[in-house]
Amino acid sequence: MLVAIAVLVQLVSLTVLPWATTAGDGASVIDLWRAAVDQGASGFGDWYVVLFSYPLAALSILLGLAAVLESAALKVIWGGLALIGLGVLVVRYGLGPLTGLAGDGGAADFSTRDVTIATIAVGALVAVVFVLKMAVATFRRAAGVILLGIGGVHVAAVTDLGSTGIEQLGAGAFGPALGYLLTAIAAFIGPHRLLGL
């Protein structure tokens, strides 16, 4: 039930609710995404919106379902998608600038942004591989911790938004964090306690 509510909160926050007020109008996450891409994402919040807002929401839903349903298949699907997404980030922001394939300059042309994103992606890759090797009961706890961490990162990112002309953050900006929290609670509780077994 908590995961279903969390999914609904995520969907409403990412599609309907405004995340911020810009120039007197409500701006949804897609408006902020477009503005960050057009103006060039410059801060942590901008890069979060551009790279992670939608993928993390989708992966958190899968992670929550895998943890609550104790499904090995969903665990593998979540792990596969997480590894693919993180692998793309490592190649684009790590190997791309190292080899000159990213198109941003010559070989070994790293920016601070590239190093930061590639380092976070490598660390997350190691964490995903480690979590995939865990037993189901331990996986539920790890999933809860991961979801709480993602929620914290989300709150930090939306409070950092600012270079896109934001006047005030809306409730929709914090909706995904509520979704992450509800899913984490469901993962910690587990299906057996919910059913009274």
C-alpha atoms as a PDB file:
ATOM      1  CA  MET A   1       0.000   0.000   0.000  1.00  0.00           C
ATOM      2  CA  LEU A   2       2.808   2.418   0.894  1.00  0.00           C
ATOM      3  CA  VAL A   3       4.579   1.683  -2.388  1.00  0.00           C
ATOM      4  CA  ALA A   4       1.351   2.327  -4.319  1.00  0.00           C
ATOM      5  CA  ILE A   5       0.928   5.679  -2.543  1.00  0.00           C
ATOM      6  CA  ALA A   6       4.603   6.478  -3.201  1.00  0.00           C
ATOM      7  CA  VAL A   7       4.185   5.700  -6.905  1.00  0.00           C
ATOM      8  CA  LEU A   8       1.140   7.989  -7.064  1.00  0.00           C
ATOM      9  CA  VAL A   9       3.040  10.783  -5.275  1.00  0.00           C
ATOM     10  CA  GLN A  10       5.980  10.362  -7.678  1.00  0.00           C
ATOM     11  CA  LEU A  11       3.745  10.449 -10.760  1.00  0.00           C
ATOM     12  CA  VAL A  12       1.821  13.522  -9.628  1.00  0.00           C
ATOM     13  CA  SER A  13       5.016  15.336  -8.602  1.00  0.00           C
ATOM     14  CA  LEU A  14       6.843  14.559 -11.838  1.00  0.00           C
ATOM     15  CA  THR A  15       3.961  15.262 -14.217  1.00  0.00           C
ATOM     16  CA  VAL A  16       1.386  17.649 -12.709  1.00  0.00           C
ATOM     17  CA  LEU A  17       2.592  19.674  -9.726  1.00  0.00           C
ATOM     18  CA  PRO A  18       4.763  22.747 -10.266  1.00  0.00           C
ATOM     19  CA  TRP A  19       8.225  22.495  -8.755  1.00  0.00           C
ATOM     20  CA  ALA A  20       8.920  26.193  -8.666  1.00  0.00           C
ATOM     21  CA  THR A  21       7.706  29.668  -9.497  1.00  0.00           C
ATOM     22  CA  THR A  22       9.645  31.351 -12.295  1.00  0.00           C
ATOM     23  CA  ALA A  23       8.673  34.734 -13.701  1.00  0.00           C
ATOM     24  CA  GLY A  24       5.375  34.530 -11.798  1.00  0.00           C
ATOM     25  CA  ASP A  25       4.335  31.203 -13.388  1.00  0.00           C
ATOM     26  CA  GLY A  26       4.466  27.657 -12.062  1.00  0.00           C
ATOM     27  CA  ALA A  27       7.281  25.591 -13.567  1.00  0.00           C
ATOM     28  CA  SER A  28       7.093  21.796 -13.669  1.00  0.00           C
ATOM     29  CA  VAL A  29      10.152  19.569 -13.563  1.00  0.00           C
ATOM     30  CA  ILE A  30      10.142  19.326 -17.365  1.00  0.00           C
ATOM     31  CA  ASP A  31      10.162  23.151 -17.580  1.00  0.00           C
ATOM     32  CA  LEU A  32      13.135  23.242 -15.219  1.00  0.00           C
ATOM     33  CA  TRP A  33      14.813  20.488 -17.246  1.00  0.00           C
ATOM     34  CA  ARG A  34      14.384  22.453 -20.482  1.00  0.00           C
ATOM     35  CA  ALA A  35      15.654  25.658 -18.867  1.00  0.00           C
ATOM     36  CA  ALA A  36      18.718  23.888 -17.447  1.00  0.00           C
ATOM     37  CA  VAL A  37      19.512  22.315 -20.827  1.00  0.00           C
ATOM     38  CA  ASP A  38      18.946  25.573 -22.751  1.00  0.00           C
ATOM     39  CA  GLN A  39      20.907  27.772 -20.347  1.00  0.00           C
ATOM     40  CA  GLY A  40      23.530  25.150 -19.584  1.00  0.00           C
ATOM     41  CA  ALA A  41      23.243  23.290 -16.299  1.00  0.00           C
ATOM     42  CA  SER A  42      25.643  24.922 -13.893  1.00  0.00           C
ATOM     43  CA  GLY A  43      24.931  23.791 -10.355  1.00  0.00           C
ATOM     44  CA  PHE A  44      24.262  20.597  -8.446  1.00  0.00           C
ATOM     45  CA  GLY A  45      20.491  21.144  -8.570  1.00  0.00           C
ATOM     46  CA  ASP A  46      20.505  21.777 -12.308  1.00  0.00           C
ATOM     47  CA  TRP A  47      22.536  18.645 -13.016  1.00  0.00           C
ATOM     48  CA  TYR A  48      20.273  16.625 -10.746  1.00  0.00           C
ATOM     49  CA  VAL A  49      17.195  17.751 -12.693  1.00  0.00           C
ATOM     50  CA  VAL A  50      18.884  17.078 -16.056  1.00  0.00           C
ATOM     51  CA  LEU A  51      20.450  13.698 -15.284  1.00  0.00           C
ATOM     52  CA  PHE A  52      18.698  12.102 -12.328  1.00  0.00           C
ATOM     53  CA  SER A  53      15.165  13.355 -11.626  1.00  0.00           C
ATOM     54  CA  TYR A  54      13.243  10.901 -13.817  1.00  0.00           C
ATOM     55  CA  PRO A  55      15.672   7.932 -13.781  1.00  0.00           C
ATOM     56  CA  LEU A  56      15.916   7.945  -9.979  1.00  0.00           C
ATOM     57  CA  ALA A  57      12.144   8.053  -9.620  1.00  0.00           C
ATOM     58  CA  ALA A  58      11.738   5.059 -11.957  1.00  0.00           C
ATOM     59  CA  LEU A  59      14.548   3.108 -10.294  1.00  0.00           C
ATOM     60  CA  SER A  60      13.197   3.878  -6.816  1.00  0.00           C
ATOM     61  CA  ILE A  61       9.808   2.461  -7.763  1.00  0.00           C
ATOM     62  CA  LEU A  62      11.443  -0.723  -9.066  1.00  0.00           C
ATOM     63  CA  LEU A  63      13.671  -0.933  -5.989  1.00  0.00           C
ATOM     64  CA  GLY A  64      10.702  -0.518  -3.672  1.00  0.00           C
ATOM     65  CA  LEU A  65       8.697  -3.175  -5.476  1.00  0.00           C
ATOM     66  CA  ALA A  66      11.672  -5.571  -5.473  1.00  0.00           C
ATOM     67  CA  ALA A  67      12.162  -5.050  -1.733  1.00  0.00           C
ATOM     68  CA  VAL A  68       8.513  -5.234  -0.694  1.00  0.00           C
ATOM     69  CA  LEU A  69       7.543  -8.137  -2.938  1.00  0.00           C
ATOM     70  CA  GLU A  70      10.873  -9.887  -2.246  1.00  0.00           C
ATOM     71  CA  SER A  71      11.088 -10.556  -5.964  1.00  0.00           C
ATOM     72  CA  ALA A  72      14.390 -11.827  -7.331  1.00  0.00           C
ATOM     73  CA  ALA A  73      13.273 -10.965 -10.879  1.00  0.00           C
ATOM     74  CA  LEU A  74      12.540  -7.313  -9.988  1.00  0.00           C
ATOM     75  CA  LYS A  75      15.831  -7.190  -8.088  1.00  0.00           C
ATOM     76  CA  VAL A  76      17.683  -8.297 -11.238  1.00  0.00           C
ATOM     77  CA  ILE A  77      15.732  -5.836 -13.438  1.00  0.00           C
ATOM     78  CA  TRP A  78      16.471  -2.974 -11.017  1.00  0.00           C
ATOM     79  CA  GLY A  79      20.134  -3.949 -10.851  1.00  0.00           C
ATOM     80  CA  GLY A  80      20.430  -4.263 -14.626  1.00  0.00           C
ATOM     81  CA  LEU A  81      18.859  -0.874 -15.288  1.00  0.00           C
ATOM     82  CA  ALA A  82      20.925   0.777 -12.543  1.00  0.00           C
ATOM     83  CA  LEU A  83      24.135  -0.743 -13.946  1.00  0.00           C
ATOM     84  CA  ILE A  84      23.283   0.366 -17.491  1.00  0.00           C
ATOM     85  CA  GLY A  85      22.477   3.930 -16.396  1.00  0.00           C
ATOM     86  CA  LEU A  86      25.577   4.238 -14.226  1.00  0.00           C
ATOM     87  CA  GLY A  87      27.710   2.654 -16.949  1.00  0.00           C
ATOM     88  CA  VAL A  88      26.529   5.302 -19.410  1.00  0.00           C
ATOM     89  CA  LEU A  89      27.512   8.035 -16.919  1.00  0.00           C
ATOM     90  CA  VAL A  90      30.962   6.480 -16.388  1.00  0.00           C
ATOM     91  CA  VAL A  91      31.552   6.217 -20.144  1.00  0.00           C
ATOM     92  CA  ARG A  92      30.208   9.712 -20.922  1.00  0.00           C
ATOM     93  CA  TYR A  93      31.803  11.630 -18.059  1.00  0.00           C
ATOM     94  CA  GLY A  94      34.800   9.404 -17.264  1.00  0.00           C
ATOM     95  CA  LEU A  95      36.060   7.584 -20.338  1.00  0.00           C
ATOM     96  CA  GLY A  96      34.711  10.169 -22.796  1.00  0.00           C
ATOM     97  CA  PRO A  97      36.840  13.066 -21.552  1.00  0.00           C
ATOM     98  CA  LEU A  98      39.790  10.714 -20.928  1.00  0.00           C
ATOM     99  CA  THR A  99      39.845   9.494 -24.521  1.00  0.00           C
ATOM    100  CA  GLY A 100      38.493  12.640 -26.193  1.00  0.00           C
ATOM    101  CA  LEU A 101      35.330  10.833 -27.364  1.00  0.00           C
ATOM    102  CA  ALA A 102      33.009  13.163 -25.441  1.00  0.00           C
ATOM    103  CA  GLY A 103      33.534  15.941 -27.972  1.00  0.00           C
ATOM    104  CA  ASP A 104      34.288  18.539 -25.295  1.00  0.00           C
ATOM    105  CA  GLY A 105      37.928  18.953 -26.213  1.00  0.00           C
ATOM    106  CA  GLY A 106      41.098  16.952 -26.552  1.00  0.00           C
ATOM    107  CA  ALA A 107      42.095  13.783 -24.778  1.00  0.00           C
ATOM    108  CA  ALA A 108      42.217  13.941 -20.969  1.00  0.00           C
ATOM    109  CA  ASP A 109      40.140  17.156 -20.949  1.00  0.00           C
ATOM    110  CA  PHE A 110      38.295  16.735 -17.624  1.00  0.00           C
ATOM    111  CA  SER A 111      36.170  19.389 -16.021  1.00  0.00           C
ATOM    112  CA  THR A 112      35.276  19.364 -12.335  1.00  0.00           C
ATOM    113  CA  ARG A 113      31.759  18.333 -13.348  1.00  0.00           C
ATOM    114  CA  ASP A 114      33.077  15.348 -15.339  1.00  0.00           C
ATOM    115  CA  VAL A 115      35.271  14.130 -12.492  1.00  0.00           C
ATOM    116  CA  THR A 116      32.473  14.525  -9.936  1.00  0.00           C
ATOM    117  CA  ILE A 117      29.815  12.735 -11.999  1.00  0.00           C
ATOM    118  CA  ALA A 118      32.185   9.916 -13.024  1.00  0.00           C
ATOM    119  CA  THR A 119      33.368   9.409  -9.426  1.00  0.00           C
ATOM    120  CA  ILE A 120      29.821   9.282  -8.073  1.00  0.00           C
ATOM    121  CA  ALA A 121      28.805   6.872 -10.859  1.00  0.00           C
ATOM    122  CA  VAL A 122      31.739   4.523 -10.138  1.00  0.00           C
ATOM    123  CA  GLY A 123      30.931   4.557  -6.413  1.00  0.00           C
ATOM    124  CA  ALA A 124      27.264   3.877  -7.143  1.00  0.00           C
ATOM    125  CA  LEU A 125      28.241   1.029  -9.517  1.00  0.00           C
ATOM    126  CA  VAL A 126      30.187  -0.649  -6.709  1.00  0.00           C
ATOM    127  CA  ALA A 127      27.260  -0.153  -4.318  1.00  0.00           C
ATOM    128  CA  VAL A 128      24.730  -1.622  -6.798  1.00  0.00           C
ATOM    129  CA  VAL A 129      26.907  -4.707  -7.388  1.00  0.00           C
ATOM    130  CA  PHE A 130      27.304  -5.140  -3.625  1.00  0.00           C
ATOM    131  CA  VAL A 131      23.558  -4.779  -3.005  1.00  0.00           C
ATOM    132  CA  LEU A 132      22.720  -7.283  -5.751  1.00  0.00           C
ATOM    133  CA  LYS A 133      24.790  -9.948  -3.986  1.00  0.00           C
ATOM    134  CA  MET A 134      22.840  -9.594  -0.725  1.00  0.00           C
ATOM    135  CA  ALA A 135      20.243 -12.029   0.543  1.00  0.00           C
ATOM    136  CA  VAL A 136      16.614 -10.933   0.196  1.00  0.00           C
ATOM    137  CA  ALA A 137      16.103  -9.920   3.849  1.00  0.00           C
ATOM    138  CA  THR A 138      19.304  -7.892   3.848  1.00  0.00           C
ATOM    139  CA  PHE A 139      18.430  -6.494   0.426  1.00  0.00           C
ATOM    140  CA  ARG A 140      15.222  -5.007   1.869  1.00  0.00           C
ATOM    141  CA  ARG A 141      17.177  -3.124   4.518  1.00  0.00           C
ATOM    142  CA  ALA A 142      19.781  -1.963   2.018  1.00  0.00           C
ATOM    143  CA  ALA A 143      16.990  -0.830  -0.321  1.00  0.00           C
ATOM    144  CA  GLY A 144      15.466   1.214   2.512  1.00  0.00           C
ATOM    145  CA  VAL A 145      18.802   2.889   3.234  1.00  0.00           C
ATOM    146  CA  ILE A 146      19.361   3.583  -0.489  1.00  0.00           C
ATOM    147  CA  LEU A 147      15.890   5.120  -0.791  1.00  0.00           C
ATOM    148  CA  LEU A 148      16.465   7.346   2.246  1.00  0.00           C
ATOM    149  CA  GLY A 149      19.791   8.432   0.729  1.00  0.00           C
ATOM    150  CA  ILE A 150      18.139   9.219  -2.608  1.00  0.00           C
ATOM    151  CA  GLY A 151      15.492  11.235  -0.773  1.00  0.00           C
ATOM    152  CA  GLY A 152      18.186  13.247   1.005  1.00  0.00           C
ATOM    153  CA  VAL A 153      20.029  13.886  -2.254  1.00  0.00           C
ATOM    154  CA  HIS A 154      16.751  14.982  -3.849  1.00  0.00           C
ATOM    155  CA  VAL A 155      16.021  17.509  -1.091  1.00  0.00           C
ATOM    156  CA  ALA A 156      19.591  18.855  -1.295  1.00  0.00           C
ATOM    157  CA  ALA A 157      19.343  19.142  -5.088  1.00  0.00           C
ATOM    158  CA  VAL A 158      16.026  20.972  -5.209  1.00  0.00           C
ATOM    159  CA  THR A 159      17.095  23.408  -2.509  1.00  0.00           C
ATOM    160  CA  ASP A 160      20.220  24.079  -4.619  1.00  0.00           C
ATOM    161  CA  LEU A 161      18.209  24.966  -7.736  1.00  0.00           C
ATOM    162  CA  GLY A 162      18.594  28.578  -8.608  1.00  0.00           C
ATOM    163  CA  SER A 163      20.354  29.334 -11.867  1.00  0.00           C
ATOM    164  CA  THR A 164      17.150  28.708 -13.838  1.00  0.00           C
ATOM    165  CA  GLY A 165      15.402  31.830 -12.515  1.00  0.00           C
ATOM    166  CA  ILE A 166      13.539  30.188  -9.632  1.00  0.00           C
ATOM    167  CA  GLU A 167      11.731  32.571  -7.324  1.00  0.00           C
ATOM    168  CA  GLN A 168      10.218  30.030  -4.933  1.00  0.00           C
ATOM    169  CA  LEU A 169      10.119  26.229  -4.686  1.00  0.00           C
ATOM    170  CA  GLY A 170       6.708  24.580  -4.873  1.00  0.00           C
ATOM    171  CA  ALA A 171       5.351  21.533  -3.060  1.00  0.00           C
ATOM    172  CA  GLY A 172       5.862  19.421  -6.170  1.00  0.00           C
ATOM    173  CA  ALA A 173       9.629  19.770  -5.825  1.00  0.00           C
ATOM    174  CA  PHE A 174       9.548  17.883  -2.537  1.00  0.00           C
ATOM    175  CA  GLY A 175       6.961  15.292  -3.636  1.00  0.00           C
ATOM    176  CA  PRO A 176       9.537  12.778  -4.915  1.00  0.00           C
ATOM    177  CA  ALA A 177      11.346  12.928  -1.544  1.00  0.00           C
ATOM    178  CA  LEU A 178       8.061  11.977   0.137  1.00  0.00           C
ATOM    179  CA  GLY A 179       7.738   9.117  -2.361  1.00  0.00           C
ATOM    180  CA  TYR A 180      11.270   7.923  -1.530  1.00  0.00           C
ATOM    181  CA  LEU A 181      10.489   8.092   2.192  1.00  0.00           C
ATOM    182  CA  LEU A 182       7.245   6.098   1.869  1.00  0.00           C
ATOM    183  CA  THR A 183       8.969   3.457  -0.253  1.00  0.00           C
ATOM    184  CA  ALA A 184      11.832   3.222   2.253  1.00  0.00           C
ATOM    185  CA  ILE A 185       9.365   2.712   5.104  1.00  0.00           C
ATOM    186  CA  ALA A 186       7.646  -0.040   3.116  1.00  0.00           C
ATOM    187  CA  ALA A 187      11.014  -1.708   2.471  1.00  0.00           C
ATOM    188  CA  PHE A 188      11.955  -1.590   6.167  1.00  0.00           C
ATOM    189  CA  ILE A 189       8.577  -2.939   7.284  1.00  0.00           C
ATOM    190  CA  GLY A 190       8.506  -5.740   4.712  1.00  0.00           C
ATOM    191  CA  PRO A 191       5.545  -7.737   3.458  1.00  0.00           C
ATOM    192  CA  HIS A 192       5.390 -10.225   6.356  1.00  0.00           C
ATOM    193  CA  ARG A 193       4.826  -7.564   9.015  1.00  0.00           C
ATOM    194  CA  LEU A 194       2.252  -5.831   6.831  1.00  0.00           C
ATOM    195  CA  LEU A 195       0.309  -9.080   6.467  1.00  0.00           C
ATOM    196  CA  GLY A 196       0.661  -9.936  10.152  1.00  0.00           C
ATOM    197  CA  LEU A 197       2.727 -13.067   9.502  1.00  0.00           C
END
